[in-house]
Structure formats: structure tokens, C-alpha cells
Amino acid sequence: MSSSDESELIADQKWDDTYFSLIEEFRTRNASRYAEQTKLLLHKKSIELELSGYSVKYTLDRTGCWFDATNLDKGIGKRSWNRFGWGKKAKRKALPDFFAKTEANILMPEEL
């Protein structure tokens, strides 16, 4: 393995460690907010919020949830979908983690 490959692996590992620790931090720090967002989203099927200059929208469908984040000032858009299953119980269990991951995706720099 070349030193370039090794340095890339080290940089990737550093990014992964930072990203996953950020998700865990968000899960803990924002647990009550995520519980409220989950309750609201299950009731309304779609919610919008502002996060660090991004307009964020979560939309439930029958088996999962869409995530859309847009920052018009930076010309950035992010979109994803996660499968949670059909029932409210499955969605209620999965949504707080999904919120933490999507917020980390917005706030985590592409490179460290």
C-alpha cells in the first residue's frame, strides 16, 4: 500500500469517527426535540424546519421517510429516503435516529 493510500485511509477513518460521534451527540443532546418532531411528523405526515441556513423538510410515505434539505445561498440540495416499514411503531422507533443522521449530513463538512 502506498503512503498516499494510507493517508487517504487515515483521513477517511478520521471523517467516519467524527461523523458517527456527531450522530451520537445529536441523539443524546436532541432527544426531546426528536421525540417532539417524531410525534408531529407521525400526525402531520410532513414537517419543515430551519437548520443552520438549510430549509429542511421531512415527509412520511407508507413505508419510509423523505428528507429534503436546501441551502439557496450555497446552492446546495440534499435528498434521501429511508425505509422504516409500514407501521407507526416502526416509524416511531426509527425517526429519532434518522433525524440525527440527517442533521449530521447537513452539518458535517465534506473533508476534515
C-alpha atoms as a PDB file:
ATOM      1  CA  MET A   1       0.000   0.000   0.000  1.00  0.00           C
ATOM      2  CA  SER A   2       1.412   3.393  -0.935  1.00  0.00           C
ATOM      3  CA  SER A   3       1.712   6.231   1.547  1.00  0.00           C
ATOM      4  CA  SER A   4      -0.936   8.108  -0.451  1.00  0.00           C
ATOM      5  CA  ASP A   5      -3.378   5.233   0.018  1.00  0.00           C
ATOM      6  CA  GLU A   6      -2.560   5.060   3.723  1.00  0.00           C
ATOM      7  CA  SER A   7      -3.097   8.787   4.209  1.00  0.00           C
ATOM      8  CA  GLU A   8      -6.446   8.536   2.396  1.00  0.00           C
ATOM      9  CA  LEU A   9      -7.480   5.674   4.671  1.00  0.00           C
ATOM     10  CA  ILE A  10      -6.465   7.664   7.746  1.00  0.00           C
ATOM     11  CA  ALA A  11      -8.390  10.711   6.506  1.00  0.00           C
ATOM     12  CA  ASP A  12     -11.447   8.546   5.758  1.00  0.00           C
ATOM     13  CA  GLN A  13     -11.266   6.959   9.201  1.00  0.00           C
ATOM     14  CA  LYS A  14     -10.992  10.381  10.861  1.00  0.00           C
ATOM     15  CA  TRP A  15     -14.026  11.623   8.907  1.00  0.00           C
ATOM     16  CA  ASP A  16     -16.018   8.472   9.818  1.00  0.00           C
ATOM     17  CA  ASP A  17     -15.122   8.763  13.507  1.00  0.00           C
ATOM     18  CA  THR A  18     -16.140  12.427  13.597  1.00  0.00           C
ATOM     19  CA  TYR A  19     -19.362  11.785  11.653  1.00  0.00           C
ATOM     20  CA  PHE A  20     -20.545   8.899  13.837  1.00  0.00           C
ATOM     21  CA  SER A  21     -19.653  10.686  17.065  1.00  0.00           C
ATOM     22  CA  LEU A  22     -21.659  13.690  15.817  1.00  0.00           C
ATOM     23  CA  ILE A  23     -24.668  11.440  15.223  1.00  0.00           C
ATOM     24  CA  GLU A  24     -24.356  10.033  18.748  1.00  0.00           C
ATOM     25  CA  GLU A  25     -24.014  13.540  20.189  1.00  0.00           C
ATOM     26  CA  PHE A  26     -27.148  14.675  18.345  1.00  0.00           C
ATOM     27  CA  ARG A  27     -29.095  11.596  19.528  1.00  0.00           C
ATOM     28  CA  THR A  28     -28.289  12.442  23.128  1.00  0.00           C
ATOM     29  CA  ARG A  29     -28.463  16.237  23.051  1.00  0.00           C
ATOM     30  CA  ASN A  30     -31.605  16.497  20.910  1.00  0.00           C
ATOM     31  CA  ALA A  31     -33.562  13.503  22.216  1.00  0.00           C
ATOM     32  CA  SER A  32     -36.538  15.536  23.450  1.00  0.00           C
ATOM     33  CA  ARG A  33     -36.668  17.641  20.255  1.00  0.00           C
ATOM     34  CA  TYR A  34     -36.502  14.482  18.132  1.00  0.00           C
ATOM     35  CA  ALA A  35     -39.330  12.946  20.185  1.00  0.00           C
ATOM     36  CA  GLU A  36     -41.473  16.034  19.503  1.00  0.00           C
ATOM     37  CA  GLN A  37     -40.550  16.029  15.794  1.00  0.00           C
ATOM     38  CA  THR A  38     -41.456  12.330  15.615  1.00  0.00           C
ATOM     39  CA  LYS A  39     -44.847  12.948  17.218  1.00  0.00           C
ATOM     40  CA  LEU A  40     -45.550  15.888  14.914  1.00  0.00           C
ATOM     41  CA  LEU A  41     -44.386  14.095  11.763  1.00  0.00           C
ATOM     42  CA  LEU A  42     -46.468  10.998  12.513  1.00  0.00           C
ATOM     43  CA  HIS A  43     -49.502  13.235  12.958  1.00  0.00           C
ATOM     44  CA  LYS A  44     -48.987  15.695  10.068  1.00  0.00           C
ATOM     45  CA  LYS A  45     -47.031  13.423   7.638  1.00  0.00           C
ATOM     46  CA  SER A  46     -44.795  16.360   6.677  1.00  0.00           C
ATOM     47  CA  ILE A  47     -42.826  18.947   8.659  1.00  0.00           C
ATOM     48  CA  GLU A  48     -40.462  21.752   7.734  1.00  0.00           C
ATOM     49  CA  LEU A  49     -37.758  23.379   9.833  1.00  0.00           C
ATOM     50  CA  GLU A  50     -34.687  25.596   9.563  1.00  0.00           C
ATOM     51  CA  LEU A  51     -31.251  24.200  10.426  1.00  0.00           C
ATOM     52  CA  SER A  52     -28.020  26.185  10.040  1.00  0.00           C
ATOM     53  CA  GLY A  53     -29.188  28.025   6.935  1.00  0.00           C
ATOM     54  CA  TYR A  54     -30.891  24.979   5.401  1.00  0.00           C
ATOM     55  CA  SER A  55     -34.588  24.628   4.785  1.00  0.00           C
ATOM     56  CA  VAL A  56     -35.312  21.045   5.854  1.00  0.00           C
ATOM     57  CA  LYS A  57     -38.424  19.057   5.033  1.00  0.00           C
ATOM     58  CA  TYR A  58     -39.325  15.551   6.241  1.00  0.00           C
ATOM     59  CA  THR A  59     -42.194  13.736   4.519  1.00  0.00           C
ATOM     60  CA  LEU A  60     -43.576  10.336   5.502  1.00  0.00           C
ATOM     61  CA  ASP A  61     -44.896   7.906   2.950  1.00  0.00           C
ATOM     62  CA  ARG A  62     -46.346   4.441   3.508  1.00  0.00           C
ATOM     63  CA  THR A  63     -43.058   2.680   4.189  1.00  0.00           C
ATOM     64  CA  GLY A  64     -40.476   5.352   4.975  1.00  0.00           C
ATOM     65  CA  CYS A  65     -39.484   8.990   5.112  1.00  0.00           C
ATOM     66  CA  TRP A  66     -38.110  11.524   2.629  1.00  0.00           C
ATOM     67  CA  PHE A  67     -35.563  14.099   3.687  1.00  0.00           C
ATOM     68  CA  ASP A  68     -35.014  17.271   1.634  1.00  0.00           C
ATOM     69  CA  ALA A  69     -32.545  19.987   2.639  1.00  0.00           C
ATOM     70  CA  THR A  70     -31.822  23.086   0.612  1.00  0.00           C
ATOM     71  CA  ASN A  71     -29.461  25.985   1.158  1.00  0.00           C
ATOM     72  CA  LEU A  72     -30.177  28.510  -1.592  1.00  0.00           C
ATOM     73  CA  ASP A  73     -27.301  30.784  -0.544  1.00  0.00           C
ATOM     74  CA  LYS A  74     -24.787  27.985  -1.107  1.00  0.00           C
ATOM     75  CA  GLY A  75     -26.665  26.360  -3.990  1.00  0.00           C
ATOM     76  CA  ILE A  76     -26.763  23.049  -2.124  1.00  0.00           C
ATOM     77  CA  GLY A  77     -29.529  20.494  -2.083  1.00  0.00           C
ATOM     78  CA  LYS A  78     -29.612  17.125  -0.368  1.00  0.00           C
ATOM     79  CA  ARG A  79     -32.291  14.481  -0.635  1.00  0.00           C
ATOM     80  CA  SER A  80     -32.634  10.954   0.707  1.00  0.00           C
ATOM     81  CA  TRP A  81     -35.184   8.329   1.602  1.00  0.00           C
ATOM     82  CA  ASN A  82     -35.085   5.692   4.318  1.00  0.00           C
ATOM     83  CA  ARG A  83     -37.273   2.627   4.632  1.00  0.00           C
ATOM     84  CA  PHE A  84     -38.795   2.117   8.083  1.00  0.00           C
ATOM     85  CA  GLY A  85     -41.648  -0.307   7.445  1.00  0.00           C
ATOM     86  CA  TRP A  86     -45.398   0.045   7.318  1.00  0.00           C
ATOM     87  CA  GLY A  87     -46.384   0.583  10.934  1.00  0.00           C
ATOM     88  CA  LYS A  88     -46.320   3.672  13.106  1.00  0.00           C
ATOM     89  CA  LYS A  89     -44.420   1.720  15.744  1.00  0.00           C
ATOM     90  CA  ALA A  90     -41.527   1.075  13.342  1.00  0.00           C
ATOM     91  CA  LYS A  91     -41.504   4.704  12.221  1.00  0.00           C
ATOM     92  CA  ARG A  92     -41.672   5.987  15.809  1.00  0.00           C
ATOM     93  CA  LYS A  93     -38.654   3.854  16.668  1.00  0.00           C
ATOM     94  CA  ALA A  94     -36.576   4.814  13.588  1.00  0.00           C
ATOM     95  CA  LEU A  95     -37.292   8.536  13.200  1.00  0.00           C
ATOM     96  CA  PRO A  96     -35.138   9.943  16.042  1.00  0.00           C
ATOM     97  CA  ASP A  97     -32.074   8.176  14.630  1.00  0.00           C
ATOM     98  CA  PHE A  98     -32.990   9.368  11.130  1.00  0.00           C
ATOM     99  CA  PHE A  99     -33.211  12.959  12.397  1.00  0.00           C
ATOM    100  CA  ALA A 100     -29.755  12.675  13.999  1.00  0.00           C
ATOM    101  CA  LYS A 101     -28.232  11.233  10.813  1.00  0.00           C
ATOM    102  CA  THR A 102     -29.759  13.825   8.514  1.00  0.00           C
ATOM    103  CA  GLU A 103     -28.648  16.685  10.760  1.00  0.00           C
ATOM    104  CA  ALA A 104     -25.134  15.244  10.801  1.00  0.00           C
ATOM    105  CA  ASN A 105     -25.249  15.061   6.996  1.00  0.00           C
ATOM    106  CA  ILE A 106     -26.054  18.764   6.879  1.00  0.00           C
ATOM    107  CA  LEU A 107     -23.571  19.943   9.494  1.00  0.00           C
ATOM    108  CA  MET A 108     -20.635  17.626   8.776  1.00  0.00           C
ATOM    109  CA  PRO A 109     -18.003  19.119   6.457  1.00  0.00           C
ATOM    110  CA  GLU A 110     -17.169  17.081   3.362  1.00  0.00           C
ATOM    111  CA  GLU A 111     -13.498  16.985   4.354  1.00  0.00           C
ATOM    112  CA  LEU A 112     -11.666  17.370   7.635  1.00  0.00           C
END
